Amino acid sequence: MEPSAVLFRLREKDTGNGVTRNTLKLLAGALGVSETDAIHKALADSARVHLPQYEADDGPLSDAQHAAIGTSVKKAHGRARVLESLFDSEPNGGPSGERKKVRSPARAR
């Protein structure tokens, strides 16, 4: 597959949406790369900022999924129970009147 080309026109004046040839040369020099590589780096940096880096999930967990997680945690941690939570609400969306901590009975204090 042949690499595709795109016409890239530099601006006559630096703006928030474009740069002059002089700015491109300065950027390439500062990065120690060619002007073409400086353009690629700028586009790659912009892509990381503006495009999702992962696939979108399916949204909030269902009650059944929360229950399955609870079952899995109980299997892995025995009788551990929630004493303090980082969140202001319970998994089912109801308000939690107090902060909770998780303490495992197997851990000596």
N, C-alpha and C. Protein backbone atom coordinates (compact mmCIF):
# COMPACT_ATOMS: atom_id res chain seq x y z
N MET A 1 0.84 -1.18 0.00
CA MET A 1 0.00 0.00 0.00
C MET A 1 0.89 1.24 0.00
N GLU A 2 0.65 2.12 -0.89
CA GLU A 2 1.43 3.35 -0.99
C GLU A 2 1.00 4.33 0.10
N PRO A 3 1.98 5.05 0.64
CA PRO A 3 1.59 6.06 1.64
C PRO A 3 0.78 7.16 0.95
N SER A 4 -0.23 7.63 1.65
CA SER A 4 -1.05 8.70 1.07
C SER A 4 -0.42 10.05 1.40
N ALA A 5 -0.70 11.03 0.60
CA ALA A 5 -0.16 12.37 0.80
C ALA A 5 -1.31 13.34 1.01
N VAL A 6 -0.99 14.41 1.70
CA VAL A 6 -1.97 15.47 1.93
C VAL A 6 -1.24 16.80 1.77
N LEU A 7 -1.91 17.74 1.17
CA LEU A 7 -1.32 19.06 1.00
C LEU A 7 -1.39 19.78 2.34
N PHE A 8 -0.25 20.29 2.77
CA PHE A 8 -0.18 21.00 4.05
C PHE A 8 0.32 22.41 3.79
N ARG A 9 -0.54 23.37 4.03
CA ARG A 9 -0.17 24.77 3.80
C ARG A 9 0.10 25.45 5.12
N LEU A 10 1.27 26.04 5.23
CA LEU A 10 1.61 26.78 6.43
C LEU A 10 0.95 28.14 6.40
N ARG A 11 0.73 28.73 7.52
CA ARG A 11 0.08 30.03 7.63
C ARG A 11 1.08 31.16 7.39
N GLU A 12 0.57 32.31 7.03
CA GLU A 12 1.41 33.50 6.90
C GLU A 12 1.68 34.13 8.25
N LYS A 13 0.82 33.79 9.23
CA LYS A 13 0.93 34.34 10.57
C LYS A 13 0.57 33.24 11.56
N ASP A 14 1.29 33.15 12.69
CA ASP A 14 0.96 32.16 13.71
C ASP A 14 -0.39 32.50 14.34
N THR A 15 -1.22 31.47 14.48
CA THR A 15 -2.54 31.62 15.12
C THR A 15 -2.76 30.42 16.03
N GLY A 16 -3.91 30.39 16.66
CA GLY A 16 -4.26 29.25 17.50
C GLY A 16 -4.52 27.99 16.70
N ASN A 17 -4.71 28.15 15.40
CA ASN A 17 -5.03 27.00 14.54
C ASN A 17 -4.01 26.75 13.45
N GLY A 18 -2.88 27.41 13.50
CA GLY A 18 -1.88 27.20 12.46
C GLY A 18 -0.58 27.91 12.78
N VAL A 19 0.48 27.51 12.10
CA VAL A 19 1.80 28.08 12.35
C VAL A 19 2.48 28.47 11.04
N THR A 20 3.47 29.34 11.17
CA THR A 20 4.27 29.76 10.01
C THR A 20 5.40 28.78 9.79
N ARG A 21 6.05 28.90 8.66
CA ARG A 21 7.20 28.06 8.35
C ARG A 21 8.31 28.28 9.38
N ASN A 22 8.50 29.51 9.81
CA ASN A 22 9.52 29.81 10.80
C ASN A 22 9.24 29.07 12.11
N THR A 23 8.00 29.06 12.55
CA THR A 23 7.64 28.34 13.78
C THR A 23 7.84 26.84 13.62
N LEU A 24 7.49 26.31 12.46
CA LEU A 24 7.71 24.89 12.19
C LEU A 24 9.19 24.56 12.26
N LYS A 25 10.04 25.40 11.67
CA LYS A 25 11.49 25.17 11.72
C LYS A 25 11.99 25.22 13.16
N LEU A 26 11.53 26.20 13.92
CA LEU A 26 11.94 26.31 15.32
C LEU A 26 11.51 25.07 16.12
N LEU A 27 10.28 24.61 15.90
CA LEU A 27 9.78 23.42 16.60
C LEU A 27 10.58 22.19 16.23
N ALA A 28 10.83 22.00 14.95
CA ALA A 28 11.63 20.84 14.50
C ALA A 28 13.01 20.89 15.12
N GLY A 29 13.62 22.08 15.17
CA GLY A 29 14.94 22.21 15.78
C GLY A 29 14.92 21.90 17.27
N ALA A 30 13.90 22.39 17.96
CA ALA A 30 13.78 22.13 19.39
C ALA A 30 13.59 20.64 19.69
N LEU A 31 12.86 19.96 18.80
CA LEU A 31 12.62 18.52 18.99
C LEU A 31 13.74 17.66 18.43
N GLY A 32 14.59 18.26 17.59
CA GLY A 32 15.67 17.50 16.97
C GLY A 32 15.18 16.54 15.90
N VAL A 33 14.13 16.94 15.20
CA VAL A 33 13.56 16.09 14.15
C VAL A 33 13.37 16.93 12.89
N SER A 34 12.99 16.26 11.81
CA SER A 34 12.71 16.98 10.56
C SER A 34 11.38 17.72 10.68
N GLU A 35 11.13 18.63 9.77
CA GLU A 35 9.87 19.36 9.78
C GLU A 35 8.69 18.40 9.61
N THR A 36 8.86 17.39 8.75
CA THR A 36 7.79 16.41 8.54
C THR A 36 7.50 15.65 9.84
N ASP A 37 8.57 15.24 10.54
CA ASP A 37 8.37 14.52 11.80
C ASP A 37 7.75 15.42 12.87
N ALA A 38 8.08 16.70 12.86
CA ALA A 38 7.47 17.64 13.80
C ALA A 38 5.96 17.73 13.55
N ILE A 39 5.57 17.75 12.29
CA ILE A 39 4.14 17.78 11.95
C ILE A 39 3.47 16.49 12.41
N HIS A 40 4.10 15.34 12.16
CA HIS A 40 3.54 14.05 12.60
C HIS A 40 3.39 14.02 14.11
N LYS A 41 4.40 14.50 14.84
CA LYS A 41 4.34 14.50 16.30
C LYS A 41 3.20 15.38 16.79
N ALA A 42 3.07 16.57 16.18
CA ALA A 42 1.99 17.48 16.59
C ALA A 42 0.62 16.84 16.35
N LEU A 43 0.46 16.17 15.23
CA LEU A 43 -0.81 15.50 14.94
C LEU A 43 -1.06 14.33 15.89
N ALA A 44 -0.01 13.56 16.18
CA ALA A 44 -0.15 12.43 17.11
C ALA A 44 -0.51 12.93 18.51
N ASP A 45 0.14 14.00 18.97
CA ASP A 45 -0.19 14.58 20.27
C ASP A 45 -1.63 15.06 20.31
N SER A 46 -2.07 15.70 19.24
CA SER A 46 -3.45 16.18 19.17
C SER A 46 -4.44 15.01 19.16
N ALA A 47 -4.10 13.94 18.48
CA ALA A 47 -4.97 12.76 18.45
C ALA A 47 -5.12 12.17 19.85
N ARG A 48 -4.02 12.10 20.61
CA ARG A 48 -4.09 11.57 21.98
C ARG A 48 -4.98 12.44 22.87
N VAL A 49 -4.97 13.73 22.65
CA VAL A 49 -5.76 14.65 23.47
C VAL A 49 -7.24 14.60 23.09
N HIS A 50 -7.54 14.55 21.80
CA HIS A 50 -8.92 14.74 21.35
C HIS A 50 -9.67 13.48 20.95
N LEU A 51 -8.99 12.37 20.75
CA LEU A 51 -9.67 11.13 20.35
C LEU A 51 -9.66 10.14 21.51
N PRO A 52 -10.70 9.35 21.65
CA PRO A 52 -10.73 8.35 22.72
C PRO A 52 -9.57 7.37 22.57
N GLN A 53 -8.98 6.99 23.69
CA GLN A 53 -7.86 6.05 23.67
C GLN A 53 -8.30 4.62 23.97
N TYR A 54 -9.61 4.43 24.13
CA TYR A 54 -10.15 3.11 24.43
C TYR A 54 -11.57 3.04 23.90
N GLU A 55 -12.07 1.84 23.76
CA GLU A 55 -13.44 1.67 23.28
C GLU A 55 -14.42 2.09 24.37
N ALA A 56 -15.51 2.69 23.99
CA ALA A 56 -16.53 3.09 24.96
C ALA A 56 -17.11 1.85 25.63
N ASP A 57 -17.40 1.97 26.93
CA ASP A 57 -17.98 0.84 27.63
C ASP A 57 -19.50 0.81 27.43
N ASP A 58 -20.16 -0.11 28.10
CA ASP A 58 -21.60 -0.28 27.93
C ASP A 58 -22.42 0.56 28.90
N GLY A 59 -21.79 1.48 29.60
CA GLY A 59 -22.52 2.33 30.54
C GLY A 59 -22.46 1.78 31.95
N PRO A 60 -23.35 2.27 32.83
CA PRO A 60 -23.35 1.84 34.23
C PRO A 60 -23.59 0.35 34.39
N LEU A 61 -23.07 -0.20 35.48
CA LEU A 61 -23.29 -1.62 35.77
C LEU A 61 -24.73 -1.85 36.21
N SER A 62 -25.24 -3.01 35.86
CA SER A 62 -26.60 -3.37 36.26
C SER A 62 -26.56 -3.92 37.69
N ASP A 63 -27.72 -4.06 38.30
CA ASP A 63 -27.81 -4.64 39.64
C ASP A 63 -27.24 -6.06 39.65
N ALA A 64 -27.49 -6.81 38.58
CA ALA A 64 -26.97 -8.18 38.49
C ALA A 64 -25.45 -8.19 38.43
N GLN A 65 -24.87 -7.22 37.70
CA GLN A 65 -23.41 -7.13 37.63
C GLN A 65 -22.82 -6.75 38.99
N HIS A 66 -23.46 -5.82 39.70
CA HIS A 66 -23.00 -5.47 41.05
C HIS A 66 -23.06 -6.69 41.97
N ALA A 67 -24.14 -7.45 41.87
CA ALA A 67 -24.28 -8.65 42.70
C ALA A 67 -23.18 -9.66 42.37
N ALA A 68 -22.88 -9.84 41.09
CA ALA A 68 -21.82 -10.78 40.68
C ALA A 68 -20.46 -10.33 41.22
N ILE A 69 -20.21 -9.03 41.20
CA ILE A 69 -18.95 -8.52 41.75
C ILE A 69 -18.90 -8.78 43.25
N GLY A 70 -20.01 -8.52 43.94
CA GLY A 70 -20.08 -8.77 45.39
C GLY A 70 -19.81 -10.23 45.70
N THR A 71 -20.38 -11.12 44.94
CA THR A 71 -20.17 -12.56 45.14
C THR A 71 -18.70 -12.92 44.92
N SER A 72 -18.11 -12.37 43.88
CA SER A 72 -16.70 -12.63 43.58
C SER A 72 -15.79 -12.12 44.70
N VAL A 73 -16.09 -10.94 45.22
CA VAL A 73 -15.29 -10.37 46.31
C VAL A 73 -15.41 -11.24 47.55
N LYS A 74 -16.62 -11.70 47.86
CA LYS A 74 -16.81 -12.55 49.04
C LYS A 74 -16.02 -13.85 48.91
N LYS A 75 -15.99 -14.41 47.70
CA LYS A 75 -15.22 -15.64 47.48
C LYS A 75 -13.73 -15.38 47.70
N ALA A 76 -13.26 -14.23 47.23
CA ALA A 76 -11.83 -13.92 47.31
C ALA A 76 -11.41 -13.43 48.69
N HIS A 77 -12.32 -12.76 49.41
CA HIS A 77 -11.93 -12.12 50.67
C HIS A 77 -12.74 -12.59 51.87
N GLY A 78 -13.46 -13.65 51.73
CA GLY A 78 -14.18 -14.20 52.87
C GLY A 78 -15.25 -13.27 53.40
N ARG A 79 -15.12 -12.94 54.68
CA ARG A 79 -16.16 -12.14 55.33
C ARG A 79 -15.86 -10.65 55.31
N ALA A 80 -15.08 -10.17 54.40
CA ALA A 80 -14.78 -8.74 54.32
C ALA A 80 -16.08 -7.97 54.15
N ARG A 81 -16.16 -6.81 54.77
CA ARG A 81 -17.37 -6.00 54.64
C ARG A 81 -16.99 -4.54 54.41
N VAL A 82 -17.88 -3.80 53.80
CA VAL A 82 -17.63 -2.39 53.49
C VAL A 82 -17.87 -1.56 54.75
N LEU A 83 -16.84 -0.76 55.14
CA LEU A 83 -16.96 0.16 56.26
C LEU A 83 -16.91 1.61 55.81
N GLU A 84 -16.18 1.87 54.70
CA GLU A 84 -16.07 3.23 54.18
C GLU A 84 -15.96 3.15 52.67
N SER A 85 -16.62 4.08 51.97
CA SER A 85 -16.61 4.10 50.52
C SER A 85 -16.06 5.43 50.01
N LEU A 86 -15.43 5.39 48.86
CA LEU A 86 -14.97 6.61 48.22
C LEU A 86 -16.11 7.35 47.54
N PHE A 87 -17.24 6.70 47.41
CA PHE A 87 -18.36 7.25 46.67
C PHE A 87 -19.48 7.66 47.60
N ASP A 88 -20.31 8.60 47.16
CA ASP A 88 -21.40 9.11 47.97
C ASP A 88 -22.66 8.28 47.89
N SER A 89 -22.68 7.26 47.06
CA SER A 89 -23.89 6.46 46.93
C SER A 89 -23.56 4.99 46.91
N GLU A 90 -24.56 4.22 47.24
CA GLU A 90 -24.45 2.77 47.21
C GLU A 90 -24.41 2.31 45.75
N PRO A 91 -23.95 1.08 45.46
CA PRO A 91 -23.88 0.59 44.08
C PRO A 91 -25.21 0.65 43.34
N ASN A 92 -26.33 0.52 44.06
CA ASN A 92 -27.63 0.54 43.38
C ASN A 92 -28.13 1.96 43.11
N GLY A 93 -27.31 2.97 43.46
CA GLY A 93 -27.68 4.35 43.17
C GLY A 93 -28.31 5.07 44.35
N GLY A 94 -28.63 4.37 45.43
CA GLY A 94 -29.22 5.01 46.60
C GLY A 94 -28.18 5.77 47.40
N PRO A 95 -28.60 6.76 48.16
CA PRO A 95 -27.64 7.54 48.93
C PRO A 95 -27.07 6.76 50.09
N SER A 96 -25.84 7.04 50.40
CA SER A 96 -25.17 6.42 51.53
C SER A 96 -25.04 7.49 52.60
N GLY A 97 -25.61 7.27 53.75
CA GLY A 97 -25.59 8.27 54.79
C GLY A 97 -24.24 8.42 55.46
N GLU A 98 -23.34 7.48 55.24
CA GLU A 98 -22.05 7.55 55.90
C GLU A 98 -20.96 6.99 55.01
N ARG A 99 -19.73 7.37 55.31
CA ARG A 99 -18.59 6.82 54.59
C ARG A 99 -18.33 5.42 55.12
N LYS A 100 -17.83 4.54 54.27
CA LYS A 100 -17.60 3.16 54.69
C LYS A 100 -16.19 2.75 54.40
N LYS A 101 -15.65 1.84 55.21
CA LYS A 101 -14.34 1.27 55.03
C LYS A 101 -14.49 -0.23 54.82
N VAL A 102 -13.51 -0.85 54.14
CA VAL A 102 -13.51 -2.30 53.99
C VAL A 102 -12.47 -2.86 54.94
N ARG A 103 -12.89 -3.80 55.76
CA ARG A 103 -11.95 -4.43 56.68
C ARG A 103 -12.09 -5.94 56.55
N SER A 104 -10.99 -6.62 56.42
CA SER A 104 -10.99 -8.07 56.32
C SER A 104 -10.72 -8.65 57.70
N PRO A 105 -11.53 -9.60 58.15
CA PRO A 105 -11.32 -10.17 59.48
C PRO A 105 -10.02 -10.96 59.58
N ALA A 106 -9.47 -11.38 58.45
CA ALA A 106 -8.25 -12.18 58.45
C ALA A 106 -7.02 -11.34 58.79
N ARG A 107 -7.16 -10.05 58.72
CA ARG A 107 -6.02 -9.15 58.94
C ARG A 107 -5.98 -8.71 60.41
N ALA A 108 -4.92 -9.05 61.09
CA ALA A 108 -4.78 -8.69 62.49
C ALA A 108 -4.47 -7.20 62.63
N ARG A 109 -5.00 -6.61 63.71
CA ARG A 109 -4.73 -5.17 63.97
C ARG A 109 -4.06 -5.02 65.28
